[in-house]
Amino acid sequence: MVDEELPYSISRPRVPERVTIYEVGPRDGLQNEPENVPTAVKVAFIEKLADAGLCAIEITSFVKASAIPQLADAADVVRGVKRRSGLRLPVLVPNMKGFNAARAVGVREVAVFTAASETFNRKNINCGIEESIERFRPVVQTAADEKIRVRGYISTAFGCPFEGPIEPESVREVVHMLLDLGIEEISIGDTIGVATPNQVYDVIETLYASGVTREVLALHFHDTRGTALANVCAGLDCGVTIFDSSAGGLGGCPYAPGATGNLATEDLLYLLEGLGVSTGVSLAGIAEASIYLAKETGRKPPSRYLAARLGTAASAGSS
């Protein structure tokens, strides 16, 4: 017998019809690998990701080799990746030196970065928030003159390993600093994987109330505490249509011991397909790319979807 007077009503979350997946594995993922991945393997990995239908793949970072030796071959990676119509191939740059190096090999989109936490910024890049923005101000200005697209990252938008919880108002202030520079897309990052859906609602609502439009916002979740997909659902409910993820779940944060890294692209795709959200990306294709890289590096990817798929295949093979 069904109780006709349920104490609550059931409603499905609102979801956009289409979402853009911004792939960060080749950069944010491979920079955390304990050993350098050969350039040819990186290029093949990126090509497989592109074959899967992604429209935005952040392929490397033009930083000092002494800082991130895993990406010291940035120029060679850029030269090696095939250009395709409709495919964005951004790279991360910390300053004008990095921007000039990227521009010299034909890069047409860059990403710059700061944080919502003053302490994290100082520990990470040895300067405060405002100083970090001044460092890349000429990058944004020059890029605008040359019609090079610029994305901005805001790390520790939900929590900091040094300061603890971050107030939404702090995120709002940094977002407006970046918008005032003319940055076209801003990724709000849960760098140490502490966010919960209520925090996502709080941050996005605060941004909307200050006049920020959803078109410029992206969300970047880490799955350290297993809440990344729940946070994606909150972001979808808020109307956000750009989500960062990393094939296989590559990546992590050096300030979060035991962190399981970025949200896996496979896990994100499985959720979005189940919700009926279009992405134009092949889940099977992304899985193929992740499995290829795992074989080349000898490291098991943390993606839950891949673990289930590989486990099912192994079970079938032994029966």
C-alpha atoms as a PDB file:
ATOM      1  CA  MET A   1       0.000   0.000   0.000  1.00  0.00           C
ATOM      2  CA  VAL A   2       1.333   3.442  -0.968  1.00  0.00           C
ATOM      3  CA  ASP A   3       1.140   6.269   1.544  1.00  0.00           C
ATOM      4  CA  GLU A   4      -0.718   9.061  -0.278  1.00  0.00           C
ATOM      5  CA  GLU A   5       0.582  11.702   2.113  1.00  0.00           C
ATOM      6  CA  LEU A   6       4.334  11.513   1.722  1.00  0.00           C
ATOM      7  CA  PRO A   7       6.210  13.897   4.018  1.00  0.00           C
ATOM      8  CA  TYR A   8       8.125  15.260   1.021  1.00  0.00           C
ATOM      9  CA  SER A   9       7.766  15.635  -2.710  1.00  0.00           C
ATOM     10  CA  ILE A  10      10.174  14.276  -5.291  1.00  0.00           C
ATOM     11  CA  SER A  11      11.587  16.593  -7.920  1.00  0.00           C
ATOM     12  CA  ARG A  12      14.350  16.018 -10.416  1.00  0.00           C
ATOM     13  CA  PRO A  13      17.249  18.503 -10.551  1.00  0.00           C
ATOM     14  CA  ARG A  14      17.319  21.025 -13.358  1.00  0.00           C
ATOM     15  CA  VAL A  15      20.044  20.245 -15.873  1.00  0.00           C
ATOM     16  CA  PRO A  16      21.245  22.084 -18.990  1.00  0.00           C
ATOM     17  CA  GLU A  17      20.682  20.397 -22.326  1.00  0.00           C
ATOM     18  CA  ARG A  18      24.374  20.530 -23.181  1.00  0.00           C
ATOM     19  CA  VAL A  19      27.616  20.782 -21.206  1.00  0.00           C
ATOM     20  CA  THR A  20      31.200  21.485 -22.277  1.00  0.00           C
ATOM     21  CA  ILE A  21      33.885  19.282 -20.770  1.00  0.00           C
ATOM     22  CA  TYR A  22      37.230  21.029 -20.403  1.00  0.00           C
ATOM     23  CA  GLU A  23      39.858  18.289 -20.247  1.00  0.00           C
ATOM     24  CA  VAL A  24      42.843  18.974 -17.978  1.00  0.00           C
ATOM     25  CA  GLY A  25      44.515  15.542 -17.849  1.00  0.00           C
ATOM     26  CA  PRO A  26      47.472  16.251 -20.158  1.00  0.00           C
ATOM     27  CA  ARG A  27      48.441  19.259 -18.053  1.00  0.00           C
ATOM     28  CA  ASP A  28      46.989  19.089 -14.536  1.00  0.00           C
ATOM     29  CA  GLY A  29      47.212  15.314 -14.509  1.00  0.00           C
ATOM     30  CA  LEU A  30      50.625  14.627 -16.024  1.00  0.00           C
ATOM     31  CA  GLN A  31      52.331  17.356 -14.001  1.00  0.00           C
ATOM     32  CA  ASN A  32      51.705  15.190 -10.935  1.00  0.00           C
ATOM     33  CA  GLU A  33      53.151  11.975 -12.363  1.00  0.00           C
ATOM     34  CA  PRO A  34      56.194  10.792 -10.363  1.00  0.00           C
ATOM     35  CA  GLU A  35      58.175  10.159 -13.547  1.00  0.00           C
ATOM     36  CA  ASN A  36      58.284  12.020 -16.830  1.00  0.00           C
ATOM     37  CA  VAL A  37      55.997  10.687 -19.539  1.00  0.00           C
ATOM     38  CA  PRO A  38      57.680  10.596 -22.991  1.00  0.00           C
ATOM     39  CA  THR A  39      56.610  13.377 -25.343  1.00  0.00           C
ATOM     40  CA  ALA A  40      55.368  10.912 -27.964  1.00  0.00           C
ATOM     41  CA  VAL A  41      53.114   9.250 -25.381  1.00  0.00           C
ATOM     42  CA  LYS A  42      51.710  12.627 -24.307  1.00  0.00           C
ATOM     43  CA  VAL A  43      50.940  13.551 -27.903  1.00  0.00           C
ATOM     44  CA  ALA A  44      49.296  10.191 -28.602  1.00  0.00           C
ATOM     45  CA  PHE A  45      47.231  10.548 -25.409  1.00  0.00           C
ATOM     46  CA  ILE A  46      46.043  14.015 -26.467  1.00  0.00           C
ATOM     47  CA  GLU A  47      45.186  12.775 -29.957  1.00  0.00           C
ATOM     48  CA  LYS A  48      43.074   9.968 -28.489  1.00  0.00           C
ATOM     49  CA  LEU A  49      41.266  12.491 -26.281  1.00  0.00           C
ATOM     50  CA  ALA A  50      40.575  14.645 -29.330  1.00  0.00           C
ATOM     51  CA  ASP A  51      39.340  11.590 -31.246  1.00  0.00           C
ATOM     52  CA  ALA A  52      36.814  11.056 -28.443  1.00  0.00           C
ATOM     53  CA  GLY A  53      35.154  14.367 -29.309  1.00  0.00           C
ATOM     54  CA  LEU A  54      36.443  16.774 -26.673  1.00  0.00           C
ATOM     55  CA  CYS A  55      36.396  20.401 -27.788  1.00  0.00           C
ATOM     56  CA  ALA A  56      38.804  21.779 -25.148  1.00  0.00           C
ATOM     57  CA  ILE A  57      41.986  20.018 -24.000  1.00  0.00           C
ATOM     58  CA  GLU A  58      44.559  21.810 -21.853  1.00  0.00           C
ATOM     59  CA  ILE A  59      47.678  20.165 -23.190  1.00  0.00           C
ATOM     60  CA  THR A  60      50.635  21.484 -21.168  1.00  0.00           C
ATOM     61  CA  SER A  61      52.124  24.324 -19.133  1.00  0.00           C
ATOM     62  CA  PHE A  62      54.875  26.789 -20.014  1.00  0.00           C
ATOM     63  CA  VAL A  63      56.514  27.082 -16.609  1.00  0.00           C
ATOM     64  CA  LYS A  64      60.138  26.760 -15.558  1.00  0.00           C
ATOM     65  CA  ALA A  65      61.427  23.241 -16.079  1.00  0.00           C
ATOM     66  CA  SER A  66      62.919  23.329 -12.591  1.00  0.00           C
ATOM     67  CA  ALA A  67      59.453  23.952 -11.150  1.00  0.00           C
ATOM     68  CA  ILE A  68      57.585  21.231 -13.084  1.00  0.00           C
ATOM     69  CA  PRO A  69      60.101  18.994 -14.875  1.00  0.00           C
ATOM     70  CA  GLN A  70      57.278  16.689 -16.009  1.00  0.00           C
ATOM     71  CA  LEU A  71      56.191  19.402 -18.475  1.00  0.00           C
ATOM     72  CA  ALA A  72      59.605  20.592 -19.622  1.00  0.00           C
ATOM     73  CA  ASP A  73      58.763  19.411 -23.152  1.00  0.00           C
ATOM     74  CA  ALA A  74      55.846  21.862 -23.494  1.00  0.00           C
ATOM     75  CA  ALA A  75      56.959  23.312 -26.831  1.00  0.00           C
ATOM     76  CA  ASP A  76      57.478  19.860 -28.338  1.00  0.00           C
ATOM     77  CA  VAL A  77      54.037  18.736 -27.185  1.00  0.00           C
ATOM     78  CA  VAL A  78      52.393  21.765 -28.775  1.00  0.00           C
ATOM     79  CA  ARG A  79      54.254  21.172 -32.026  1.00  0.00           C
ATOM     80  CA  GLY A  80      53.306  17.507 -32.009  1.00  0.00           C
ATOM     81  CA  VAL A  81      49.545  17.830 -31.549  1.00  0.00           C
ATOM     82  CA  LYS A  82      47.489  18.084 -34.720  1.00  0.00           C
ATOM     83  CA  ARG A  83      45.282  21.164 -35.085  1.00  0.00           C
ATOM     84  CA  ARG A  84      41.613  20.394 -35.704  1.00  0.00           C
ATOM     85  CA  SER A  85      38.690  22.622 -36.530  1.00  0.00           C
ATOM     86  CA  GLY A  86      36.674  23.436 -33.420  1.00  0.00           C
ATOM     87  CA  LEU A  87      39.284  22.039 -31.020  1.00  0.00           C
ATOM     88  CA  ARG A  88      40.694  24.373 -28.369  1.00  0.00           C
ATOM     89  CA  LEU A  89      44.224  23.529 -27.199  1.00  0.00           C
ATOM     90  CA  PRO A  90      44.979  25.922 -24.312  1.00  0.00           C
ATOM     91  CA  VAL A  91      48.164  25.898 -22.236  1.00  0.00           C
ATOM     92  CA  LEU A  92      48.875  27.256 -18.768  1.00  0.00           C
ATOM     93  CA  VAL A  93      51.234  30.237 -18.476  1.00  0.00           C
ATOM     94  CA  PRO A  94      52.369  31.947 -15.246  1.00  0.00           C
ATOM     95  CA  ASN A  95      53.721  35.190 -16.713  1.00  0.00           C
ATOM     96  CA  MET A  96      54.890  36.982 -19.866  1.00  0.00           C
ATOM     97  CA  LYS A  97      57.938  34.734 -20.240  1.00  0.00           C
ATOM     98  CA  GLY A  98      55.716  31.678 -20.374  1.00  0.00           C
ATOM     99  CA  PHE A  99      53.232  33.465 -22.629  1.00  0.00           C
ATOM    100  CA  ASN A 100      55.938  34.458 -25.104  1.00  0.00           C
ATOM    101  CA  ALA A 101      57.253  30.898 -25.222  1.00  0.00           C
ATOM    102  CA  ALA A 102      53.752  29.589 -25.885  1.00  0.00           C
ATOM    103  CA  ARG A 103      53.023  32.216 -28.491  1.00  0.00           C
ATOM    104  CA  ALA A 104      56.270  31.359 -30.295  1.00  0.00           C
ATOM    105  CA  VAL A 105      54.964  27.863 -31.075  1.00  0.00           C
ATOM    106  CA  GLY A 106      51.544  29.020 -32.236  1.00  0.00           C
ATOM    107  CA  VAL A 107      49.389  28.713 -29.110  1.00  0.00           C
ATOM    108  CA  ARG A 108      46.057  30.553 -29.500  1.00  0.00           C
ATOM    109  CA  GLU A 109      44.617  30.093 -26.012  1.00  0.00           C
ATOM    110  CA  VAL A 110      46.226  30.381 -22.596  1.00  0.00           C
ATOM    111  CA  ALA A 111      45.202  29.995 -18.970  1.00  0.00           C
ATOM    112  CA  VAL A 112      46.444  32.048 -16.018  1.00  0.00           C
ATOM    113  CA  PHE A 113      45.976  31.275 -12.343  1.00  0.00           C
ATOM    114  CA  THR A 114      45.523  32.738  -8.888  1.00  0.00           C
ATOM    115  CA  ALA A 115      43.719  31.667  -5.709  1.00  0.00           C
ATOM    116  CA  ALA A 116      40.941  32.745  -3.360  1.00  0.00           C
ATOM    117  CA  SER A 117      43.292  32.136  -0.425  1.00  0.00           C
ATOM    118  CA  GLU A 118      46.101  34.612   0.203  1.00  0.00           C
ATOM    119  CA  THR A 119      48.149  32.051   2.129  1.00  0.00           C
ATOM    120  CA  PHE A 120      47.805  29.336  -0.505  1.00  0.00           C
ATOM    121  CA  ASN A 121      48.875  31.764  -3.205  1.00  0.00           C
ATOM    122  CA  ARG A 122      51.998  32.705  -1.255  1.00  0.00           C
ATOM    123  CA  LYS A 123      52.868  29.072  -0.552  1.00  0.00           C
ATOM    124  CA  ASN A 124      52.175  28.035  -4.161  1.00  0.00           C
ATOM    125  CA  ILE A 125      53.693  30.859  -6.217  1.00  0.00           C
ATOM    126  CA  ASN A 126      55.408  33.095  -3.640  1.00  0.00           C
ATOM    127  CA  CYS A 127      53.130  36.093  -3.998  1.00  0.00           C
ATOM    128  CA  GLY A 128      49.748  37.376  -2.866  1.00  0.00           C
ATOM    129  CA  ILE A 129      46.536  37.447  -4.882  1.00  0.00           C
ATOM    130  CA  GLU A 130      46.852  41.009  -6.165  1.00  0.00           C
ATOM    131  CA  GLU A 131      50.517  40.556  -7.012  1.00  0.00           C
ATOM    132  CA  SER A 132      49.750  37.360  -8.943  1.00  0.00           C
ATOM    133  CA  ILE A 133      47.183  39.248 -10.996  1.00  0.00           C
ATOM    134  CA  GLU A 134      49.680  41.998 -11.710  1.00  0.00           C
ATOM    135  CA  ARG A 135      52.106  39.355 -12.961  1.00  0.00           C
ATOM    136  CA  PHE A 136      49.728  38.143 -15.615  1.00  0.00           C
ATOM    137  CA  ARG A 137      48.048  41.473 -16.391  1.00  0.00           C
ATOM    138  CA  PRO A 138      50.386  42.063 -19.380  1.00  0.00           C
ATOM    139  CA  VAL A 139      49.615  38.523 -20.560  1.00  0.00           C
ATOM    140  CA  VAL A 140      45.901  39.303 -20.706  1.00  0.00           C
ATOM    141  CA  GLN A 141      46.458  42.676 -22.339  1.00  0.00           C
ATOM    142  CA  THR A 142      48.781  41.299 -25.013  1.00  0.00           C
ATOM    143  CA  ALA A 143      46.495  38.333 -25.620  1.00  0.00           C
ATOM    144  CA  ALA A 144      43.565  40.692 -26.177  1.00  0.00           C
ATOM    145  CA  ASP A 145      45.570  42.650 -28.743  1.00  0.00           C
ATOM    146  CA  GLU A 146      46.411  39.436 -30.594  1.00  0.00           C
ATOM    147  CA  LYS A 147      42.963  37.841 -30.189  1.00  0.00           C
ATOM    148  CA  ILE A 148      44.342  35.015 -28.064  1.00  0.00           C
ATOM    149  CA  ARG A 149      41.738  33.613 -25.706  1.00  0.00           C
ATOM    150  CA  VAL A 150      42.435  33.697 -21.953  1.00  0.00           C
ATOM    151  CA  ARG A 151      40.993  31.499 -19.204  1.00  0.00           C
ATOM    152  CA  GLY A 152      41.498  32.184 -15.495  1.00  0.00           C
ATOM    153  CA  TYR A 153      41.787  29.682 -12.664  1.00  0.00           C
ATOM    154  CA  ILE A 154      40.863  30.451  -9.065  1.00  0.00           C
ATOM    155  CA  SER A 155      42.260  27.787  -6.748  1.00  0.00           C
ATOM    156  CA  THR A 156      41.066  27.001  -3.207  1.00  0.00           C
ATOM    157  CA  ALA A 157      37.649  28.547  -3.827  1.00  0.00           C
ATOM    158  CA  PHE A 158      35.947  26.311  -1.251  1.00  0.00           C
ATOM    159  CA  GLY A 159      38.700  25.537   1.217  1.00  0.00           C
ATOM    160  CA  CYS A 160      42.394  26.106   1.869  1.00  0.00           C
ATOM    161  CA  PRO A 161      44.854  23.748   3.621  1.00  0.00           C
ATOM    162  CA  PHE A 162      46.186  26.736   5.565  1.00  0.00           C
ATOM    163  CA  GLU A 163      43.198  29.046   6.105  1.00  0.00           C
ATOM    164  CA  GLY A 164      40.380  26.506   6.248  1.00  0.00           C
ATOM    165  CA  PRO A 165      36.957  27.338   4.735  1.00  0.00           C
ATOM    166  CA  ILE A 166      36.911  30.190   2.202  1.00  0.00           C
ATOM    167  CA  GLU A 167      34.031  32.673   2.267  1.00  0.00           C
ATOM    168  CA  PRO A 168      32.058  33.041  -0.997  1.00  0.00           C
ATOM    169  CA  GLU A 169      32.695  36.789  -0.827  1.00  0.00           C
ATOM    170  CA  SER A 170      36.433  36.150  -1.187  1.00  0.00           C
ATOM    171  CA  VAL A 171      35.798  34.170  -4.368  1.00  0.00           C
ATOM    172  CA  ARG A 172      33.525  36.933  -5.665  1.00  0.00           C
ATOM    173  CA  GLU A 173      36.250  39.548  -5.192  1.00  0.00           C
ATOM    174  CA  VAL A 174      38.799  37.553  -7.190  1.00  0.00           C
ATOM    175  CA  VAL A 175      36.284  36.701  -9.926  1.00  0.00           C
ATOM    176  CA  HIS A 176      35.580  40.398 -10.449  1.00  0.00           C
ATOM    177  CA  MET A 177      39.296  41.185 -10.544  1.00  0.00           C
ATOM    178  CA  LEU A 178      39.653  38.705 -13.400  1.00  0.00           C
ATOM    179  CA  LEU A 179      36.547  39.944 -15.198  1.00  0.00           C
ATOM    180  CA  ASP A 180      37.843  43.510 -14.961  1.00  0.00           C
ATOM    181  CA  LEU A 181      40.979  42.334 -16.794  1.00  0.00           C
ATOM    182  CA  GLY A 182      38.848  40.991 -19.625  1.00  0.00           C
ATOM    183  CA  ILE A 183      39.279  37.270 -18.968  1.00  0.00           C
ATOM    184  CA  GLU A 184      36.635  35.305 -20.867  1.00  0.00           C
ATOM    185  CA  GLU A 185      36.282  32.116 -18.816  1.00  0.00           C
ATOM    186  CA  ILE A 186      36.884  31.584 -15.094  1.00  0.00           C
ATOM    187  CA  SER A 187      37.286  28.166 -13.501  1.00  0.00           C
ATOM    188  CA  ILE A 188      36.304  27.962  -9.830  1.00  0.00           C
ATOM    189  CA  GLY A 189      38.464  25.264  -8.256  1.00  0.00           C
ATOM    190  CA  ASP A 190      38.044  22.968  -5.264  1.00  0.00           C
ATOM    191  CA  THR A 191      41.775  22.376  -5.117  1.00  0.00           C
ATOM    192  CA  ILE A 192      41.895  20.147  -2.034  1.00  0.00           C
ATOM    193  CA  GLY A 193      38.546  18.435  -2.551  1.00  0.00           C
ATOM    194  CA  VAL A 194      36.623  19.706   0.485  1.00  0.00           C
ATOM    195  CA  ALA A 195      33.509  21.159  -1.160  1.00  0.00           C
ATOM    196  CA  THR A 196      29.967  19.908  -0.607  1.00  0.00           C
ATOM    197  CA  PRO A 197      26.883  20.841  -2.665  1.00  0.00           C
ATOM    198  CA  ASN A 198      25.723  23.518  -0.221  1.00  0.00           C
ATOM    199  CA  GLN A 199      29.042  25.316  -0.639  1.00  0.00           C
ATOM    200  CA  VAL A 200      28.682  25.145  -4.412  1.00  0.00           C
ATOM    201  CA  TYR A 201      25.232  26.730  -4.164  1.00  0.00           C
ATOM    202  CA  ASP A 202      26.577  29.423  -1.826  1.00  0.00           C
ATOM    203  CA  VAL A 203      29.459  30.382  -4.100  1.00  0.00           C
ATOM    204  CA  ILE A 204      27.448  30.389  -7.325  1.00  0.00           C
ATOM    205  CA  GLU A 205      24.540  32.273  -5.785  1.00  0.00           C
ATOM    206  CA  THR A 206      26.967  34.890  -4.439  1.00  0.00           C
ATOM    207  CA  LEU A 207      28.513  35.296  -7.889  1.00  0.00           C
ATOM    208  CA  TYR A 208      25.148  35.557  -9.630  1.00  0.00           C
ATOM    209  CA  ALA A 209      23.964  38.132  -7.101  1.00  0.00           C
ATOM    210  CA  SER A 210      27.011  40.282  -7.965  1.00  0.00           C
ATOM    211  CA  GLY A 211      26.202  40.267 -11.680  1.00  0.00           C
ATOM    212  CA  VAL A 212      28.430  37.396 -12.834  1.00  0.00           C
ATOM    213  CA  THR A 213      26.777  35.444 -15.645  1.00  0.00           C
ATOM    214  CA  ARG A 214      26.896  31.675 -15.891  1.00  0.00           C
ATOM    215  CA  GLU A 215      28.430  31.744 -19.375  1.00  0.00           C
ATOM    216  CA  VAL A 216      31.849  32.745 -18.009  1.00  0.00           C
ATOM    217  CA  LEU A 217      31.929  30.192 -15.185  1.00  0.00           C
ATOM    218  CA  ALA A 218      33.456  26.730 -15.082  1.00  0.00           C
ATOM    219  CA  LEU A 219      33.724  24.393 -12.106  1.00  0.00           C
ATOM    220  CA  HIS A 220      36.805  22.335 -11.273  1.00  0.00           C
ATOM    221  CA  PHE A 221      36.305  19.652  -8.616  1.00  0.00           C
ATOM    222  CA  HIS A 222      38.697  17.227  -6.973  1.00  0.00           C
ATOM    223  CA  ASP A 223      37.283  13.969  -5.671  1.00  0.00           C
ATOM    224  CA  THR A 224      39.409  13.755  -2.537  1.00  0.00           C
ATOM    225  CA  ARG A 225      36.427  13.099  -0.278  1.00  0.00           C
ATOM    226  CA  GLY A 226      34.144  11.503  -2.856  1.00  0.00           C
ATOM    227  CA  THR A 227      31.871  14.537  -3.326  1.00  0.00           C
ATOM    228  CA  ALA A 228      32.916  15.680  -6.809  1.00  0.00           C
ATOM    229  CA  LEU A 229      29.897  14.270  -8.678  1.00  0.00           C
ATOM    230  CA  ALA A 230      27.485  15.542  -6.034  1.00  0.00           C
ATOM    231  CA  ASN A 231      29.068  18.968  -6.509  1.00  0.00           C
ATOM    232  CA  VAL A 232      28.654  18.664 -10.273  1.00  0.00           C
ATOM    233  CA  CYS A 233      24.929  18.049  -9.740  1.00  0.00           C
ATOM    234  CA  ALA A 234      24.731  21.230  -7.662  1.00  0.00           C
ATOM    235  CA  GLY A 235      26.577  23.122 -10.388  1.00  0.00           C
ATOM    236  CA  LEU A 236      24.212  21.808 -13.046  1.00  0.00           C
ATOM    237  CA  ASP A 237      21.257  22.860 -10.922  1.00  0.00           C
ATOM    238  CA  CYS A 238      22.764  26.364 -10.828  1.00  0.00           C
ATOM    239  CA  GLY A 239      22.959  26.406 -14.632  1.00  0.00           C
ATOM    240  CA  VAL A 240      26.732  26.021 -15.000  1.00  0.00           C
ATOM    241  CA  THR A 241      27.597  24.410 -18.330  1.00  0.00           C
ATOM    242  CA  ILE A 242      31.408  24.068 -18.235  1.00  0.00           C
ATOM    243  CA  PHE A 243      33.106  21.441 -16.084  1.00  0.00           C
ATOM    244  CA  ASP A 244      36.798  20.594 -15.817  1.00  0.00           C
ATOM    245  CA  SER A 245      37.833  16.969 -15.542  1.00  0.00           C
ATOM    246  CA  SER A 246      40.827  14.730 -16.070  1.00  0.00           C
ATOM    247  CA  ALA A 247      40.842  11.514 -18.089  1.00  0.00           C
ATOM    248  CA  GLY A 248      41.318   8.576 -15.755  1.00  0.00           C
ATOM    249  CA  GLY A 249      41.173  10.907 -12.737  1.00  0.00           C
ATOM    250  CA  LEU A 250      44.826  11.922 -13.160  1.00  0.00           C
ATOM    251  CA  GLY A 251      46.230  14.621 -10.950  1.00  0.00           C
ATOM    252  CA  GLY A 252      46.070  15.782  -7.366  1.00  0.00           C
ATOM    253  CA  CYS A 253      47.219  18.445  -4.960  1.00  0.00           C
ATOM    254  CA  PRO A 254      50.595  18.330  -3.169  1.00  0.00           C
ATOM    255  CA  TYR A 255      48.965  19.985  -0.136  1.00  0.00           C
ATOM    256  CA  ALA A 256      46.326  17.251   0.231  1.00  0.00           C
ATOM    257  CA  PRO A 257      48.042  13.971   1.160  1.00  0.00           C
ATOM    258  CA  GLY A 258      46.064  10.990  -0.074  1.00  0.00           C
ATOM    259  CA  ALA A 259      43.974  13.073  -2.456  1.00  0.00           C
ATOM    260  CA  THR A 260      42.491  11.016  -5.249  1.00  0.00           C
ATOM    261  CA  GLY A 261      42.958  13.828  -7.717  1.00  0.00           C
ATOM    262  CA  ASN A 262      40.756  15.500 -10.264  1.00  0.00           C
ATOM    263  CA  LEU A 263      37.268  14.364 -11.109  1.00  0.00           C
ATOM    264  CA  ALA A 264      37.662  11.641 -13.734  1.00  0.00           C
ATOM    265  CA  THR A 265      36.302  12.518 -17.162  1.00  0.00           C
ATOM    266  CA  GLU A 266      34.819   9.021 -17.469  1.00  0.00           C
ATOM    267  CA  ASP A 267      32.924   9.398 -14.184  1.00  0.00           C
ATOM    268  CA  LEU A 268      31.642  12.828 -15.206  1.00  0.00           C
ATOM    269  CA  LEU A 269      30.512  11.533 -18.609  1.00  0.00           C
ATOM    270  CA  TYR A 270      28.720   8.565 -17.081  1.00  0.00           C
ATOM    271  CA  LEU A 271      26.775  10.921 -14.813  1.00  0.00           C
ATOM    272  CA  LEU A 272      25.930  13.375 -17.593  1.00  0.00           C
ATOM    273  CA  GLU A 273      24.785  10.620 -19.946  1.00  0.00           C
ATOM    274  CA  GLY A 274      22.569   9.245 -17.194  1.00  0.00           C
ATOM    275  CA  LEU A 275      21.029  12.685 -16.739  1.00  0.00           C
ATOM    276  CA  GLY A 276      20.403  13.056 -20.469  1.00  0.00           C
ATOM    277  CA  VAL A 277      22.912  15.899 -20.847  1.00  0.00           C
ATOM    278  CA  SER A 278      24.633  16.130 -24.238  1.00  0.00           C
ATOM    279  CA  THR A 279      28.421  16.614 -24.419  1.00  0.00           C
ATOM    280  CA  GLY A 280      29.455  15.383 -27.856  1.00  0.00           C
ATOM    281  CA  VAL A 281      32.114  13.255 -26.168  1.00  0.00           C
ATOM    282  CA  SER A 282      32.429   9.488 -26.442  1.00  0.00           C
ATOM    283  CA  LEU A 283      32.712   7.760 -23.078  1.00  0.00           C
ATOM    284  CA  ALA A 284      34.271   4.730 -24.751  1.00  0.00           C
ATOM    285  CA  GLY A 285      36.796   6.987 -26.485  1.00  0.00           C
ATOM    286  CA  ILE A 286      37.870   8.674 -23.253  1.00  0.00           C
ATOM    287  CA  ALA A 287      38.185   5.285 -21.571  1.00  0.00           C
ATOM    288  CA  GLU A 288      40.377   4.093 -24.444  1.00  0.00           C
ATOM    289  CA  ALA A 289      42.664   7.114 -24.029  1.00  0.00           C
ATOM    290  CA  SER A 290      42.947   6.559 -20.271  1.00  0.00           C
ATOM    291  CA  ILE A 291      43.666   2.849 -20.672  1.00  0.00           C
ATOM    292  CA  TYR A 292      46.351   3.662 -23.245  1.00  0.00           C
ATOM    293  CA  LEU A 293      48.085   6.058 -20.851  1.00  0.00           C
ATOM    294  CA  ALA A 294      47.771   3.622 -17.950  1.00  0.00           C
ATOM    295  CA  LYS A 295      49.525   0.930 -19.973  1.00  0.00           C
ATOM    296  CA  GLU A 296      52.295   3.325 -20.993  1.00  0.00           C
ATOM    297  CA  THR A 297      52.917   4.577 -17.443  1.00  0.00           C
ATOM    298  CA  GLY A 298      52.218   1.341 -15.603  1.00  0.00           C
ATOM    299  CA  ARG A 299      49.915   3.201 -13.207  1.00  0.00           C
ATOM    300  CA  LYS A 300      46.325   2.273 -12.433  1.00  0.00           C
ATOM    301  CA  PRO A 301      43.980   5.260 -13.000  1.00  0.00           C
ATOM    302  CA  PRO A 302      41.679   6.122 -10.067  1.00  0.00           C
ATOM    303  CA  SER A 303      38.552   6.570 -12.231  1.00  0.00           C
ATOM    304  CA  ARG A 304      35.677   4.603 -10.716  1.00  0.00           C
ATOM    305  CA  TYR A 305      34.121   4.026 -14.129  1.00  0.00           C
ATOM    306  CA  LEU A 306      37.351   2.532 -15.426  1.00  0.00           C
ATOM    307  CA  ALA A 307      37.735   0.361 -12.335  1.00  0.00           C
ATOM    308  CA  ALA A 308      34.234  -1.035 -12.883  1.00  0.00           C
ATOM    309  CA  ARG A 309      34.800  -1.526 -16.614  1.00  0.00           C
ATOM    310  CA  LEU A 310      38.161  -3.229 -16.217  1.00  0.00           C
ATOM    311  CA  GLY A 311      36.874  -5.316 -13.335  1.00  0.00           C
ATOM    312  CA  THR A 312      33.901  -6.487 -15.371  1.00  0.00           C
ATOM    313  CA  ALA A 313      36.167  -7.369 -18.307  1.00  0.00           C
ATOM    314  CA  ALA A 314      38.522  -9.314 -16.042  1.00  0.00           C
ATOM    315  CA  SER A 315      35.608 -11.168 -14.483  1.00  0.00           C
ATOM    316  CA  ALA A 316      34.207 -12.077 -17.902  1.00  0.00           C
ATOM    317  CA  GLY A 317      37.613 -13.247 -19.075  1.00  0.00           C
ATOM    318  CA  SER A 318      38.033 -15.608 -16.132  1.00  0.00           C
ATOM    319  CA  SER A 319      34.591 -17.167 -16.393  1.00  0.00           C
END
